[in-house]
Protein backbone atom coordinates (compact mmCIF):
# COMPACT_ATOMS: atom_id res chain seq x y z
CA MET A 1 36.47 1.01 6.32
CA GLU A 2 36.31 4.62 5.25
CA VAL A 3 33.16 3.83 3.25
CA LEU A 4 31.36 2.57 6.35
CA ARG A 5 31.81 5.94 8.08
CA TRP A 6 29.42 7.61 5.68
CA LEU A 7 27.40 4.60 4.45
CA ILE A 8 25.83 3.63 7.78
CA PRO A 9 24.63 7.17 8.66
CA LEU A 10 23.34 7.59 5.11
CA LEU A 11 21.36 4.34 5.34
CA ALA A 12 19.99 5.45 8.72
CA VAL A 13 18.84 8.79 7.28
CA VAL A 14 17.20 7.10 4.30
CA ALA A 15 15.47 4.57 6.58
CA ILE A 16 14.14 7.38 8.78
CA PHE A 17 12.94 9.24 5.70
CA VAL A 18 11.12 6.17 4.33
CA MET A 19 9.50 5.42 7.71
CA GLY A 20 8.40 9.06 8.05
CA ALA A 21 6.91 9.06 4.56
CA ARG A 22 5.00 5.86 5.35
CA ALA A 23 3.66 7.42 8.56
CA VAL A 24 2.50 10.56 6.75
CA LEU A 25 0.82 8.50 4.04
CA SER A 26 -0.98 6.35 6.61
CA LEU A 27 -2.34 9.47 8.33
CA SER A 28 -3.76 10.81 5.07
CA ARG A 29 -5.98 7.78 4.49
CA SER A 30 -9.61 8.57 3.86
CA GLU A 31 -12.25 7.35 6.26
CA GLU A 32 -14.90 6.76 3.60
CA SER A 33 -16.74 3.50 3.17
CA LEU A 34 -15.60 1.35 0.25
CA ILE A 35 -17.23 -1.59 -1.52
CA CYS A 36 -15.50 -4.36 -3.47
CA THR A 37 -16.80 -4.81 -7.01
CA THR A 38 -15.69 -8.46 -6.97
CA CYS A 39 -17.20 -9.86 -3.76
CA GLY A 40 -19.42 -7.03 -2.49
CA ALA A 41 -17.71 -6.68 0.89
CA GLN A 42 -17.94 -3.22 2.44
CA THR A 43 -15.14 -1.82 4.55
CA ASP A 44 -13.89 1.39 6.12
CA THR A 45 -10.39 -0.01 6.64
CA PRO A 46 -9.05 -1.63 3.47
CA HIS A 47 -5.80 -3.56 3.54
CA THR A 48 -2.85 -2.36 1.51
CA LYS A 49 -0.80 -4.49 -0.82
CA THR A 50 2.66 -3.58 -2.05
CA ARG A 51 4.15 -5.17 -5.15
CA GLY A 52 7.64 -6.59 -5.07
CA SER A 53 9.61 -8.38 -2.38
CA VAL A 54 11.05 -7.20 0.92
CA VAL A 55 13.92 -9.67 0.54
CA ILE A 56 14.92 -8.23 -2.85
CA GLU A 57 14.65 -4.73 -1.42
CA VAL A 58 17.02 -5.55 1.46
CA VAL A 59 19.51 -7.27 -0.87
CA LEU A 60 19.52 -4.25 -3.18
CA TRP A 61 20.05 -1.88 -0.25
CA PHE A 62 23.05 -3.90 0.92
CA ALA A 63 24.45 -4.30 -2.60
CA LEU A 64 24.24 -0.67 -3.73
CA ILE A 65 22.37 2.35 -2.41
CA ILE A 66 20.92 3.67 -5.68
CA PRO A 67 19.21 0.42 -6.84
CA GLY A 68 17.86 -0.10 -3.33
CA LEU A 69 16.44 3.42 -3.24
CA LEU A 70 14.88 3.08 -6.70
CA TYR A 71 13.33 -0.29 -5.82
CA SER A 72 11.97 1.10 -2.53
CA LEU A 73 10.43 4.08 -4.32
CA TRP A 74 8.88 1.78 -6.93
CA ARG A 75 7.42 -0.48 -4.24
CA GLN A 76 5.90 2.47 -2.38
CA SER A 77 4.41 3.93 -5.58
CA THR A 78 2.67 0.62 -6.43
CA ARG A 79 0.91 0.31 -3.07
CA GLN A 80 -2.83 -0.35 -3.55
CA LYS A 81 -5.90 -0.57 -1.35
CA VAL A 82 -7.28 -4.12 -1.49
CA CYS A 83 -10.43 -5.79 -0.20
CA PRO A 84 -9.89 -7.44 3.19
CA ALA A 85 -12.25 -10.28 2.22
CA CYS A 86 -11.01 -11.34 -1.22
CA GLY A 87 -7.74 -9.43 -1.67
CA ASN A 88 -8.66 -7.83 -5.00
CA ALA A 89 -7.86 -4.18 -5.74
CA THR A 90 -11.37 -3.50 -7.06
CA LEU A 91 -12.63 -1.11 -4.37
CA ILE A 92 -14.86 1.87 -5.14
CA VAL A 93 -16.46 4.45 -2.87
CA ALA A 94 -19.75 3.07 -1.55
CA ASN A 95 -21.44 6.48 -1.37
CA THR A 96 -21.55 6.99 -5.15
CA PRO A 97 -24.25 5.99 -7.65
CA ASP A 98 -22.20 2.99 -8.80
CA GLY A 99 -21.38 2.02 -5.22
CA ARG A 100 -25.03 2.16 -4.12
CA LYS A 101 -26.11 0.16 -7.18
CA LEU A 102 -23.46 -2.45 -6.44
CA ALA A 103 -24.51 -2.66 -2.78
CA GLU A 104 -28.10 -3.26 -3.88
CA GLN A 105 -27.03 -6.00 -6.29
CA PHE A 106 -24.96 -7.83 -3.67
CA SER A 107 -27.60 -7.46 -0.93
CA GLY A 108 -30.20 -8.88 -3.36
CA ARG A 109 -28.06 -11.98 -3.95
CA LYS A 110 -27.76 -12.74 -0.25
CA ARG A 111 -31.52 -12.94 0.28
């Protein structure tokens, strides 16, 4: 029972830290237009995809703190912007020479 006196507050502090870091990262997103090199979809709000499993993360947090923390940090570091249409992580900035060329190619196919 002595372990629970410091374990629960520690888990609460870590959870607050992780949630705060996620909030800060979401505020720093760029508002530039992106185009998918796979399907040609253009978007200003790409989806994000995180590798790993939430279930495994929770189990590791309950089993031991250090593996849970390492797994959470790994999951957050592998987060990628993905295309909302096809789900691929092949987005480039649309306002670049390659992005404009790609937009022309995909708009030519639709006609």
